[in-house]
Amino acid sequence: MPTTAFRCLLLLSLVIVHDSSYAASAQEQVKLSLILQQLDTIERLTTRAETASTSEPDERYRFDYPRLSQDIQRIRQGVQGYLSPSRAQPRDPAELVGDYSLDTPPVEPSL
């Protein structure tokens, strides 16, 4: 049952982001900051649930806590990136090599 709660919380966070897409800038920032706080709470709950879980080695299905944590981080990075975008930095163009041929291993004859 905890998986349903996590999914609901993540879905709620995404709905708030979607609904706030037409909001004024200050109001949108407040809502997105609230989402970041909720993500922190979800991450703490995830850590607690992972440490409290008692998975048997022969269970067919287990909850993938590391994947959930990665998804939470991805959502957090997206929201933070929107709230404080980094300036585009000038980049140094890399020199083109021009040699695009690869050595292929010899083919062994089939018997």
PDB file of N, CA and C in Angstrom:
ATOM      1  N   MET A   1       0.787  -1.199   0.000  1.00  0.00           N
ATOM      2  CA  MET A   1       0.000   0.000   0.000  1.00  0.00           C
ATOM      3  C   MET A   1       0.842   1.282   0.000  1.00  0.00           C
ATOM      4  N   PRO A   2       2.074   1.266   0.568  1.00  0.00           N
ATOM      5  CA  PRO A   2       2.857   2.498   0.533  1.00  0.00           C
ATOM      6  C   PRO A   2       3.178   2.953  -0.883  1.00  0.00           C
ATOM      7  N   THR A   3       3.251   2.026  -1.829  1.00  0.00           N
ATOM      8  CA  THR A   3       3.565   2.430  -3.196  1.00  0.00           C
ATOM      9  C   THR A   3       2.473   3.334  -3.744  1.00  0.00           C
ATOM     10  N   THR A   4       1.238   3.067  -3.400  1.00  0.00           N
ATOM     11  CA  THR A   4       0.140   3.898  -3.862  1.00  0.00           C
ATOM     12  C   THR A   4       0.254   5.299  -3.284  1.00  0.00           C
ATOM     13  N   ALA A   5       0.636   5.400  -2.035  1.00  0.00           N
ATOM     14  CA  ALA A   5       0.785   6.717  -1.417  1.00  0.00           C
ATOM     15  C   ALA A   5       1.889   7.515  -2.104  1.00  0.00           C
ATOM     16  N   PHE A   6       3.014   6.873  -2.403  1.00  0.00           N
ATOM     17  CA  PHE A   6       4.100   7.571  -3.091  1.00  0.00           C
ATOM     18  C   PHE A   6       3.669   8.036  -4.473  1.00  0.00           C
ATOM     19  N   ARG A   7       2.990   7.163  -5.177  1.00  0.00           N
ATOM     20  CA  ARG A   7       2.537   7.538  -6.520  1.00  0.00           C
ATOM     21  C   ARG A   7       1.557   8.695  -6.461  1.00  0.00           C
ATOM     22  N   CYS A   8       0.671   8.675  -5.490  1.00  0.00           N
ATOM     23  CA  CYS A   8      -0.295   9.763  -5.344  1.00  0.00           C
ATOM     24  C   CYS A   8       0.400  11.085  -5.036  1.00  0.00           C
ATOM     25  N   LEU A   9       1.384  11.040  -4.149  1.00  0.00           N
ATOM     26  CA  LEU A   9       2.111  12.263  -3.808  1.00  0.00           C
ATOM     27  C   LEU A   9       2.885  12.804  -5.004  1.00  0.00           C
ATOM     28  N   LEU A  10       3.516  11.917  -5.757  1.00  0.00           N
ATOM     29  CA  LEU A  10       4.233  12.371  -6.952  1.00  0.00           C
ATOM     30  C   LEU A  10       3.268  12.924  -7.991  1.00  0.00           C
ATOM     31  N   LEU A  11       2.141  12.256  -8.164  1.00  0.00           N
ATOM     32  CA  LEU A  11       1.145  12.728  -9.117  1.00  0.00           C
ATOM     33  C   LEU A  11       0.605  14.082  -8.685  1.00  0.00           C
ATOM     34  N   LEU A  12       0.348  14.250  -7.383  1.00  0.00           N
ATOM     35  CA  LEU A  12      -0.130  15.530  -6.872  1.00  0.00           C
ATOM     36  C   LEU A  12       0.882  16.626  -7.167  1.00  0.00           C
ATOM     37  N   SER A  13       2.154  16.326  -6.959  1.00  0.00           N
ATOM     38  CA  SER A  13       3.189  17.314  -7.233  1.00  0.00           C
ATOM     39  C   SER A  13       3.204  17.705  -8.705  1.00  0.00           C
ATOM     40  N   LEU A  14       3.066  16.721  -9.578  1.00  0.00           N
ATOM     41  CA  LEU A  14       3.067  17.013 -11.015  1.00  0.00           C
ATOM     42  C   LEU A  14       1.833  17.798 -11.432  1.00  0.00           C
ATOM     43  N   VAL A  15       0.691  17.505 -10.823  1.00  0.00           N
ATOM     44  CA  VAL A  15      -0.536  18.237 -11.137  1.00  0.00           C
ATOM     45  C   VAL A  15      -0.403  19.687 -10.718  1.00  0.00           C
ATOM     46  N   ILE A  16       0.193  19.921  -9.553  1.00  0.00           N
ATOM     47  CA  ILE A  16       0.382  21.298  -9.096  1.00  0.00           C
ATOM     48  C   ILE A  16       1.280  22.048 -10.059  1.00  0.00           C
ATOM     49  N   VAL A  17       2.336  21.384 -10.528  1.00  0.00           N
ATOM     50  CA  VAL A  17       3.227  22.032 -11.499  1.00  0.00           C
ATOM     51  C   VAL A  17       2.462  22.352 -12.772  1.00  0.00           C
ATOM     52  N   HIS A  18       1.659  21.424 -13.254  1.00  0.00           N
ATOM     53  CA  HIS A  18       0.907  21.627 -14.485  1.00  0.00           C
ATOM     54  C   HIS A  18      -0.109  22.739 -14.315  1.00  0.00           C
ATOM     55  N   ASP A  19      -0.834  22.749 -13.201  1.00  0.00           N
ATOM     56  CA  ASP A  19      -1.837  23.776 -12.967  1.00  0.00           C
ATOM     57  C   ASP A  19      -1.218  25.147 -12.797  1.00  0.00           C
ATOM     58  N   SER A  20      -0.009  25.207 -12.287  1.00  0.00           N
ATOM     59  CA  SER A  20       0.605  26.506 -12.045  1.00  0.00           C
ATOM     60  C   SER A  20       1.312  27.055 -13.280  1.00  0.00           C
ATOM     61  N   SER A  21       1.246  26.356 -14.410  1.00  0.00           N
ATOM     62  CA  SER A  21       1.975  26.803 -15.583  1.00  0.00           C
ATOM     63  C   SER A  21       1.426  28.114 -16.142  1.00  0.00           C
ATOM     64  N   TYR A  22       0.182  28.471 -15.803  1.00  0.00           N
ATOM     65  CA  TYR A  22      -0.395  29.710 -16.290  1.00  0.00           C
ATOM     66  C   TYR A  22      -0.436  30.777 -15.202  1.00  0.00           C
ATOM     67  N   ALA A  23       0.166  30.510 -14.066  1.00  0.00           N
ATOM     68  CA  ALA A  23       0.134  31.437 -12.942  1.00  0.00           C
ATOM     69  C   ALA A  23       1.150  32.552 -13.141  1.00  0.00           C
ATOM     70  N   ALA A  24       0.963  33.614 -12.356  1.00  0.00           N
ATOM     71  CA  ALA A  24       1.924  34.716 -12.378  1.00  0.00           C
ATOM     72  C   ALA A  24       3.252  34.228 -11.830  1.00  0.00           C
ATOM     73  N   SER A  25       4.312  34.913 -12.153  1.00  0.00           N
ATOM     74  CA  SER A  25       5.646  34.461 -11.801  1.00  0.00           C
ATOM     75  C   SER A  25       5.836  34.290 -10.296  1.00  0.00           C
ATOM     76  N   ALA A  26       5.436  35.258  -9.489  1.00  0.00           N
ATOM     77  CA  ALA A  26       5.624  35.159  -8.039  1.00  0.00           C
ATOM     78  C   ALA A  26       4.790  34.023  -7.463  1.00  0.00           C
ATOM     79  N   GLN A  27       3.565  33.910  -7.916  1.00  0.00           N
ATOM     80  CA  GLN A  27       2.686  32.839  -7.429  1.00  0.00           C
ATOM     81  C   GLN A  27       3.213  31.473  -7.861  1.00  0.00           C
ATOM     82  N   GLU A  28       3.722  31.413  -9.061  1.00  0.00           N
ATOM     83  CA  GLU A  28       4.283  30.165  -9.560  1.00  0.00           C
ATOM     84  C   GLU A  28       5.508  29.759  -8.745  1.00  0.00           C
ATOM     85  N   GLN A  29       6.349  30.711  -8.401  1.00  0.00           N
ATOM     86  CA  GLN A  29       7.528  30.403  -7.607  1.00  0.00           C
ATOM     87  C   GLN A  29       7.153  29.882  -6.231  1.00  0.00           C
ATOM     88  N   VAL A  30       6.101  30.433  -5.641  1.00  0.00           N
ATOM     89  CA  VAL A  30       5.646  29.966  -4.328  1.00  0.00           C
ATOM     90  C   VAL A  30       5.173  28.519  -4.433  1.00  0.00           C
ATOM     91  N   LYS A  31       4.399  28.219  -5.466  1.00  0.00           N
ATOM     92  CA  LYS A  31       3.886  26.857  -5.635  1.00  0.00           C
ATOM     93  C   LYS A  31       5.016  25.869  -5.912  1.00  0.00           C
ATOM     94  N   LEU A  32       5.962  26.267  -6.726  1.00  0.00           N
ATOM     95  CA  LEU A  32       7.075  25.375  -7.031  1.00  0.00           C
ATOM     96  C   LEU A  32       7.968  25.163  -5.811  1.00  0.00           C
ATOM     97  N   SER A  33       8.121  26.174  -4.993  1.00  0.00           N
ATOM     98  CA  SER A  33       8.874  26.008  -3.749  1.00  0.00           C
ATOM     99  C   SER A  33       8.160  25.042  -2.821  1.00  0.00           C
ATOM    100  N   LEU A  34       6.841  25.111  -2.803  1.00  0.00           N
ATOM    101  CA  LEU A  34       6.055  24.167  -2.010  1.00  0.00           C
ATOM    102  C   LEU A  34       6.250  22.744  -2.532  1.00  0.00           C
ATOM    103  N   ILE A  35       6.316  22.592  -3.822  1.00  0.00           N
ATOM    104  CA  ILE A  35       6.560  21.271  -4.409  1.00  0.00           C
ATOM    105  C   ILE A  35       7.922  20.743  -3.979  1.00  0.00           C
ATOM    106  N   LEU A  36       8.928  21.606  -3.944  1.00  0.00           N
ATOM    107  CA  LEU A  36      10.250  21.173  -3.494  1.00  0.00           C
ATOM    108  C   LEU A  36      10.205  20.702  -2.047  1.00  0.00           C
ATOM    109  N   GLN A  37       9.446  21.393  -1.210  1.00  0.00           N
ATOM    110  CA  GLN A  37       9.291  20.964   0.182  1.00  0.00           C
ATOM    111  C   GLN A  37       8.595  19.608   0.244  1.00  0.00           C
ATOM    112  N   GLN A  38       7.577  19.418  -0.592  1.00  0.00           N
ATOM    113  CA  GLN A  38       6.865  18.143  -0.618  1.00  0.00           C
ATOM    114  C   GLN A  38       7.768  17.020  -1.114  1.00  0.00           C
ATOM    115  N   LEU A  39       8.624  17.315  -2.066  1.00  0.00           N
ATOM    116  CA  LEU A  39       9.569  16.306  -2.546  1.00  0.00           C
ATOM    117  C   LEU A  39      10.540  15.902  -1.444  1.00  0.00           C
ATOM    118  N   ASP A  40      10.954  16.877  -0.625  1.00  0.00           N
ATOM    119  CA  ASP A  40      11.813  16.551   0.518  1.00  0.00           C
ATOM    120  C   ASP A  40      11.100  15.597   1.469  1.00  0.00           C
ATOM    121  N   THR A  41       9.820  15.873   1.709  1.00  0.00           N
ATOM    122  CA  THR A  41       9.031  15.007   2.590  1.00  0.00           C
ATOM    123  C   THR A  41       8.886  13.613   1.991  1.00  0.00           C
ATOM    124  N   ILE A  42       8.603  13.542   0.719  1.00  0.00           N
ATOM    125  CA  ILE A  42       8.458  12.246   0.044  1.00  0.00           C
ATOM    126  C   ILE A  42       9.773  11.480   0.103  1.00  0.00           C
ATOM    127  N   GLU A  43      10.874  12.184  -0.070  1.00  0.00           N
ATOM    128  CA  GLU A  43      12.174  11.517  -0.029  1.00  0.00           C
ATOM    129  C   GLU A  43      12.460  10.954   1.371  1.00  0.00           C
ATOM    130  N   ARG A  44      12.123  11.715   2.400  1.00  0.00           N
ATOM    131  CA  ARG A  44      12.298  11.205   3.766  1.00  0.00           C
ATOM    132  C   ARG A  44      11.416   9.985   4.011  1.00  0.00           C
ATOM    133  N   LEU A  45      10.168  10.038   3.543  1.00  0.00           N
ATOM    134  CA  LEU A  45       9.268   8.890   3.695  1.00  0.00           C
ATOM    135  C   LEU A  45       9.794   7.675   2.938  1.00  0.00           C
ATOM    136  N   THR A  46      10.363   7.909   1.781  1.00  0.00           N
ATOM    137  CA  THR A  46      10.928   6.823   0.989  1.00  0.00           C
ATOM    138  C   THR A  46      12.085   6.165   1.723  1.00  0.00           C
ATOM    139  N   THR A  47      12.952   6.975   2.308  1.00  0.00           N
ATOM    140  CA  THR A  47      14.088   6.437   3.060  1.00  0.00           C
ATOM    141  C   THR A  47      13.612   5.613   4.244  1.00  0.00           C
ATOM    142  N   ARG A  48      12.619   6.136   4.959  1.00  0.00           N
ATOM    143  CA  ARG A  48      12.076   5.388   6.101  1.00  0.00           C
ATOM    144  C   ARG A  48      11.438   4.072   5.654  1.00  0.00           C
ATOM    145  N   ALA A  49      10.683   4.122   4.587  1.00  0.00           N
ATOM    146  CA  ALA A  49      10.024   2.910   4.100  1.00  0.00           C
ATOM    147  C   ALA A  49      11.045   1.881   3.636  1.00  0.00           C
ATOM    148  N   GLU A  50      12.106   2.349   2.999  1.00  0.00           N
ATOM    149  CA  GLU A  50      13.140   1.418   2.522  1.00  0.00           C
ATOM    150  C   GLU A  50      13.848   0.740   3.689  1.00  0.00           C
ATOM    151  N   THR A  51      14.164   1.504   4.732  1.00  0.00           N
ATOM    152  CA  THR A  51      14.850   0.895   5.869  1.00  0.00           C
ATOM    153  C   THR A  51      13.916  -0.007   6.662  1.00  0.00           C
ATOM    154  N   ALA A  52      12.615   0.272   6.634  1.00  0.00           N
ATOM    155  CA  ALA A  52      11.662  -0.543   7.387  1.00  0.00           C
ATOM    156  C   ALA A  52      11.190  -1.766   6.607  1.00  0.00           C
ATOM    157  N   SER A  53      11.437  -1.789   5.295  1.00  0.00           N
ATOM    158  CA  SER A  53      10.943  -2.913   4.489  1.00  0.00           C
ATOM    159  C   SER A  53      11.721  -4.181   4.811  1.00  0.00           C
ATOM    160  N   THR A  54      10.995  -5.251   4.883  1.00  0.00           N
ATOM    161  CA  THR A  54      11.610  -6.558   5.139  1.00  0.00           C
ATOM    162  C   THR A  54      11.312  -7.436   3.938  1.00  0.00           C
ATOM    163  N   SER A  55      12.158  -7.345   2.949  1.00  0.00           N
ATOM    164  CA  SER A  55      11.976  -8.118   1.727  1.00  0.00           C
ATOM    165  C   SER A  55      12.534  -9.513   1.904  1.00  0.00           C
ATOM    166  N   GLU A  56      11.743 -10.462   1.558  1.00  0.00           N
ATOM    167  CA  GLU A  56      12.191 -11.849   1.568  1.00  0.00           C
ATOM    168  C   GLU A  56      12.904 -12.115   0.248  1.00  0.00           C
ATOM    169  N   PRO A  57      13.968 -12.914   0.265  1.00  0.00           N
ATOM    170  CA  PRO A  57      14.719 -13.168  -0.966  1.00  0.00           C
ATOM    171  C   PRO A  57      13.898 -13.873  -2.044  1.00  0.00           C
ATOM    172  N   ASP A  58      12.863 -14.604  -1.656  1.00  0.00           N
ATOM    173  CA  ASP A  58      12.080 -15.338  -2.641  1.00  0.00           C
ATOM    174  C   ASP A  58      10.831 -14.589  -3.094  1.00  0.00           C
ATOM    175  N   GLU A  59      10.666 -13.324  -2.681  1.00  0.00           N
ATOM    176  CA  GLU A  59       9.519 -12.551  -3.132  1.00  0.00           C
ATOM    177  C   GLU A  59       9.634 -12.291  -4.625  1.00  0.00           C
ATOM    178  N   ARG A  60       8.512 -12.367  -5.293  1.00  0.00           N
ATOM    179  CA  ARG A  60       8.521 -12.160  -6.736  1.00  0.00           C
ATOM    180  C   ARG A  60       8.618 -10.678  -7.088  1.00  0.00           C
ATOM    181  N   TYR A  61       7.929  -9.840  -6.336  1.00  0.00           N
ATOM    182  CA  TYR A  61       7.938  -8.411  -6.608  1.00  0.00           C
ATOM    183  C   TYR A  61       8.404  -7.652  -5.378  1.00  0.00           C
ATOM    184  N   ARG A  62       9.228  -6.670  -5.615  1.00  0.00           N
ATOM    185  CA  ARG A  62       9.676  -5.773  -4.561  1.00  0.00           C
ATOM    186  C   ARG A  62       9.593  -4.356  -5.086  1.00  0.00           C
ATOM    187  N   PHE A  63       9.429  -3.427  -4.180  1.00  0.00           N
ATOM    188  CA  PHE A  63       9.374  -2.021  -4.573  1.00  0.00           C
ATOM    189  C   PHE A  63      10.786  -1.536  -4.862  1.00  0.00           C
ATOM    190  N   ASP A  64      10.943  -0.799  -5.937  1.00  0.00           N
ATOM    191  CA  ASP A  64      12.252  -0.308  -6.368  1.00  0.00           C
ATOM    192  C   ASP A  64      12.498   1.076  -5.759  1.00  0.00           C
ATOM    193  N   TYR A  65      12.953   1.097  -4.507  1.00  0.00           N
ATOM    194  CA  TYR A  65      13.207   2.351  -3.807  1.00  0.00           C
ATOM    195  C   TYR A  65      14.295   3.191  -4.481  1.00  0.00           C
ATOM    196  N   PRO A  66      15.387   2.594  -4.946  1.00  0.00           N
ATOM    197  CA  PRO A  66      16.404   3.418  -5.619  1.00  0.00           C
ATOM    198  C   PRO A  66      15.856   4.133  -6.852  1.00  0.00           C
ATOM    199  N   ARG A  67      15.005   3.477  -7.622  1.00  0.00           N
ATOM    200  CA  ARG A  67      14.442   4.118  -8.808  1.00  0.00           C
ATOM    201  C   ARG A  67      13.523   5.271  -8.409  1.00  0.00           C
ATOM    202  N   LEU A  68      12.739   5.073  -7.335  1.00  0.00           N
ATOM    203  CA  LEU A  68      11.890   6.154  -6.850  1.00  0.00           C
ATOM    204  C   LEU A  68      12.739   7.345  -6.425  1.00  0.00           C
ATOM    205  N   SER A  69      13.834   7.084  -5.723  1.00  0.00           N
ATOM    206  CA  SER A  69      14.719   8.173  -5.293  1.00  0.00           C
ATOM    207  C   SER A  69      15.313   8.907  -6.494  1.00  0.00           C
ATOM    208  N   GLN A  70      15.673   8.168  -7.533  1.00  0.00           N
ATOM    209  CA  GLN A  70      16.202   8.797  -8.745  1.00  0.00           C
ATOM    210  C   GLN A  70      15.147   9.671  -9.412  1.00  0.00           C
ATOM    211  N   ASP A  71      13.903   9.186  -9.454  1.00  0.00           N
ATOM    212  CA  ASP A  71      12.825   9.968 -10.055  1.00  0.00           C
ATOM    213  C   ASP A  71      12.549  11.232  -9.250  1.00  0.00           C
ATOM    214  N   ILE A  72      12.588  11.129  -7.931  1.00  0.00           N
ATOM    215  CA  ILE A  72      12.388  12.304  -7.084  1.00  0.00           C
ATOM    216  C   ILE A  72      13.496  13.318  -7.358  1.00  0.00           C
ATOM    217  N   GLN A  73      14.732  12.839  -7.469  1.00  0.00           N
ATOM    218  CA  GLN A  73      15.841  13.738  -7.770  1.00  0.00           C
ATOM    219  C   GLN A  73      15.662  14.405  -9.134  1.00  0.00           C
ATOM    220  N   ARG A  74      15.189  13.637 -10.102  1.00  0.00           N
ATOM    221  CA  ARG A  74      14.984  14.189 -11.443  1.00  0.00           C
ATOM    222  C   ARG A  74      13.927  15.278 -11.422  1.00  0.00           C
ATOM    223  N   ILE A  75      12.834  15.044 -10.700  1.00  0.00           N
ATOM    224  CA  ILE A  75      11.782  16.056 -10.596  1.00  0.00           C
ATOM    225  C   ILE A  75      12.325  17.284  -9.879  1.00  0.00           C
ATOM    226  N   ARG A  76      13.067  17.063  -8.773  1.00  0.00           N
ATOM    227  CA  ARG A  76      13.632  18.181  -8.016  1.00  0.00           C
ATOM    228  C   ARG A  76      14.562  19.020  -8.895  1.00  0.00           C
ATOM    229  N   GLN A  77      15.428  18.358  -9.658  1.00  0.00           N
ATOM    230  CA  GLN A  77      16.357  19.083 -10.514  1.00  0.00           C
ATOM    231  C   GLN A  77      15.616  19.894 -11.579  1.00  0.00           C
ATOM    232  N   GLY A  78      14.535  19.321 -12.100  1.00  0.00           N
ATOM    233  CA  GLY A  78      13.753  20.042 -13.100  1.00  0.00           C
ATOM    234  C   GLY A  78      13.104  21.293 -12.530  1.00  0.00           C
ATOM    235  N   VAL A  79      12.529  21.171 -11.330  1.00  0.00           N
ATOM    236  CA  VAL A  79      11.890  22.328 -10.697  1.00  0.00           C
ATOM    237  C   VAL A  79      12.939  23.371 -10.326  1.00  0.00           C
ATOM    238  N   GLN A  80      14.046  22.926  -9.729  1.00  0.00           N
ATOM    239  CA  GLN A  80      15.107  23.869  -9.354  1.00  0.00           C
ATOM    240  C   GLN A  80      15.705  24.541 -10.582  1.00  0.00           C
ATOM    241  N   GLY A  81      15.857  23.779 -11.663  1.00  0.00           N
ATOM    242  CA  GLY A  81      16.379  24.356 -12.894  1.00  0.00           C
ATOM    243  C   GLY A  81      15.452  25.400 -13.477  1.00  0.00           C
ATOM    244  N   TYR A  82      14.145  25.207 -13.292  1.00  0.00           N
ATOM    245  CA  TYR A  82      13.184  26.196 -13.773  1.00  0.00           C
ATOM    246  C   TYR A  82      13.200  27.436 -12.891  1.00  0.00           C
ATOM    247  N   LEU A  83      13.303  27.220 -11.573  1.00  0.00           N
ATOM    248  CA  LEU A  83      13.288  28.355 -10.650  1.00  0.00           C
ATOM    249  C   LEU A  83      14.552  29.204 -10.752  1.00  0.00           C
ATOM    250  N   SER A  84      15.681  28.583 -10.982  1.00  0.00           N
ATOM    251  CA  SER A  84      16.931  29.342 -11.093  1.00  0.00           C
ATOM    252  C   SER A  84      17.752  28.778 -12.239  1.00  0.00           C
ATOM    253  N   PRO A  85      17.386  29.167 -13.457  1.00  0.00           N
ATOM    254  CA  PRO A  85      18.116  28.632 -14.619  1.00  0.00           C
ATOM    255  C   PRO A  85      19.548  29.154 -14.647  1.00  0.00           C
ATOM    256  N   SER A  86      20.425  28.301 -15.107  1.00  0.00           N
ATOM    257  CA  SER A  86      21.817  28.714 -15.219  1.00  0.00           C
ATOM    258  C   SER A  86      21.986  29.530 -16.501  1.00  0.00           C
ATOM    259  N   ARG A  87      22.896  30.465 -16.423  1.00  0.00           N
ATOM    260  CA  ARG A  87      23.181  31.256 -17.614  1.00  0.00           C
ATOM    261  C   ARG A  87      23.889  30.377 -18.630  1.00  0.00           C
ATOM    262  N   ALA A  88      23.582  30.624 -19.856  1.00  0.00           N
ATOM    263  CA  ALA A  88      24.280  29.895 -20.912  1.00  0.00           C
ATOM    264  C   ALA A  88      25.721  30.375 -20.951  1.00  0.00           C
ATOM    265  N   GLN A  89      26.614  29.439 -20.820  1.00  0.00           N
ATOM    266  CA  GLN A  89      28.033  29.764 -20.832  1.00  0.00           C
ATOM    267  C   GLN A  89      28.578  29.578 -22.241  1.00  0.00           C
ATOM    268  N   PRO A  90      29.471  30.462 -22.659  1.00  0.00           N
ATOM    269  CA  PRO A  90      30.082  30.246 -23.971  1.00  0.00           C
ATOM    270  C   PRO A  90      30.899  28.961 -23.941  1.00  0.00           C
ATOM    271  N   ARG A  91      30.851  28.241 -24.998  1.00  0.00           N
ATOM    272  CA  ARG A  91      31.586  26.984 -25.019  1.00  0.00           C
ATOM    273  C   ARG A  91      32.680  27.040 -26.075  1.00  0.00           C
ATOM    274  N   ASP A  92      33.707  26.305 -25.799  1.00  0.00           N
ATOM    275  CA  ASP A  92      34.806  26.213 -26.748  1.00  0.00           C
ATOM    276  C   ASP A  92      34.466  25.125 -27.756  1.00  0.00           C
ATOM    277  N   PRO A  93      34.434  25.501 -29.023  1.00  0.00           N
ATOM    278  CA  PRO A  93      34.137  24.453 -30.008  1.00  0.00           C
ATOM    279  C   PRO A  93      35.302  23.472 -30.093  1.00  0.00           C
ATOM    280  N   ALA A  94      34.975  22.198 -30.087  1.00  0.00           N
ATOM    281  CA  ALA A  94      36.006  21.162 -30.174  1.00  0.00           C
ATOM    282  C   ALA A  94      36.443  21.023 -31.634  1.00  0.00           C
ATOM    283  N   GLU A  95      37.702  20.692 -31.785  1.00  0.00           N
ATOM    284  CA  GLU A  95      38.241  20.499 -33.122  1.00  0.00           C
ATOM    285  C   GLU A  95      37.677  19.203 -33.701  1.00  0.00           C
ATOM    286  N   LEU A  96      37.282  19.242 -34.959  1.00  0.00           N
ATOM    287  CA  LEU A  96      36.774  18.040 -35.617  1.00  0.00           C
ATOM    288  C   LEU A  96      37.933  17.122 -35.963  1.00  0.00           C
ATOM    289  N   VAL A  97      37.730  15.831 -35.751  1.00  0.00           N
ATOM    290  CA  VAL A  97      38.782  14.856 -36.034  1.00  0.00           C
ATOM    291  C   VAL A  97      38.832  14.544 -37.514  1.00  0.00           C
ATOM    292  N   GLY A  98      37.698  14.286 -38.110  1.00  0.00           N
ATOM    293  CA  GLY A  98      37.639  14.029 -39.541  1.00  0.00           C
ATOM    294  C   GLY A  98      37.847  12.583 -39.941  1.00  0.00           C
ATOM    295  N   ASP A  99      38.299  11.718 -39.051  1.00  0.00           N
ATOM    296  CA  ASP A  99      38.510  10.314 -39.358  1.00  0.00           C
ATOM    297  C   ASP A  99      37.351   9.523 -38.749  1.00  0.00           C
ATOM    298  N   TYR A 100      36.474   9.002 -39.602  1.00  0.00           N
ATOM    299  CA  TYR A 100      35.272   8.331 -39.105  1.00  0.00           C
ATOM    300  C   TYR A 100      35.265   6.835 -39.378  1.00  0.00           C
ATOM    301  N   SER A 101      36.387   6.275 -39.757  1.00  0.00           N
ATOM    302  CA  SER A 101      36.409   4.844 -40.037  1.00  0.00           C
ATOM    303  C   SER A 101      36.796   4.086 -38.778  1.00  0.00           C
ATOM    304  N   LEU A 102      36.141   2.967 -38.552  1.00  0.00           N
ATOM    305  CA  LEU A 102      36.426   2.100 -37.411  1.00  0.00           C
ATOM    306  C   LEU A 102      37.022   0.812 -37.907  1.00  0.00           C
ATOM    307  N   ASP A 103      37.949   0.269 -37.149  1.00  0.00           N
ATOM    308  CA  ASP A 103      38.476  -1.055 -37.479  1.00  0.00           C
ATOM    309  C   ASP A 103      37.450  -2.085 -36.985  1.00  0.00           C
ATOM    310  N   THR A 104      37.094  -2.992 -37.860  1.00  0.00           N
ATOM    311  CA  THR A 104      36.159  -4.031 -37.482  1.00  0.00           C
ATOM    312  C   THR A 104      36.928  -5.311 -37.197  1.00  0.00           C
ATOM    313  N   PRO A 105      36.506  -6.087 -36.221  1.00  0.00           N
ATOM    314  CA  PRO A 105      37.205  -7.340 -35.950  1.00  0.00           C
ATOM    315  C   PRO A 105      36.989  -8.330 -37.092  1.00  0.00           C
ATOM    316  N   PRO A 106      37.962  -9.198 -37.334  1.00  0.00           N
ATOM    317  CA  PRO A 106      37.811 -10.167 -38.430  1.00  0.00           C
ATOM    318  C   PRO A 106      36.646 -11.095 -38.163  1.00  0.00           C
ATOM    319  N   VAL A 107      35.951 -11.434 -39.222  1.00  0.00           N
ATOM    320  CA  VAL A 107      34.798 -12.327 -39.124  1.00  0.00           C
ATOM    321  C   VAL A 107      35.289 -13.763 -39.144  1.00  0.00           C
ATOM    322  N   GLU A 108      34.881 -14.542 -38.166  1.00  0.00           N
ATOM    323  CA  GLU A 108      35.259 -15.949 -38.145  1.00  0.00           C
ATOM    324  C   GLU A 108      34.303 -16.729 -39.046  1.00  0.00           C
ATOM    325  N   PRO A 109      34.844 -17.642 -39.835  1.00  0.00           N
ATOM    326  CA  PRO A 109      33.963 -18.413 -40.715  1.00  0.00           C
ATOM    327  C   PRO A 109      33.052 -19.331 -39.896  1.00  0.00           C
ATOM    328  N   SER A 110      31.810 -19.402 -40.321  1.00  0.00           N
ATOM    329  CA  SER A 110      30.870 -20.274 -39.616  1.00  0.00           C
ATOM    330  C   SER A 110      31.022 -21.695 -40.145  1.00  0.00           C
ATOM    331  N   LEU A 111      30.837 -22.645 -39.267  1.00  0.00           N
ATOM    332  CA  LEU A 111      30.990 -24.054 -39.664  1.00  0.00           C
ATOM    333  C   LEU A 111      29.711 -24.661 -40.089  1.00  0.00           C
TER     334      LEU A 111
END
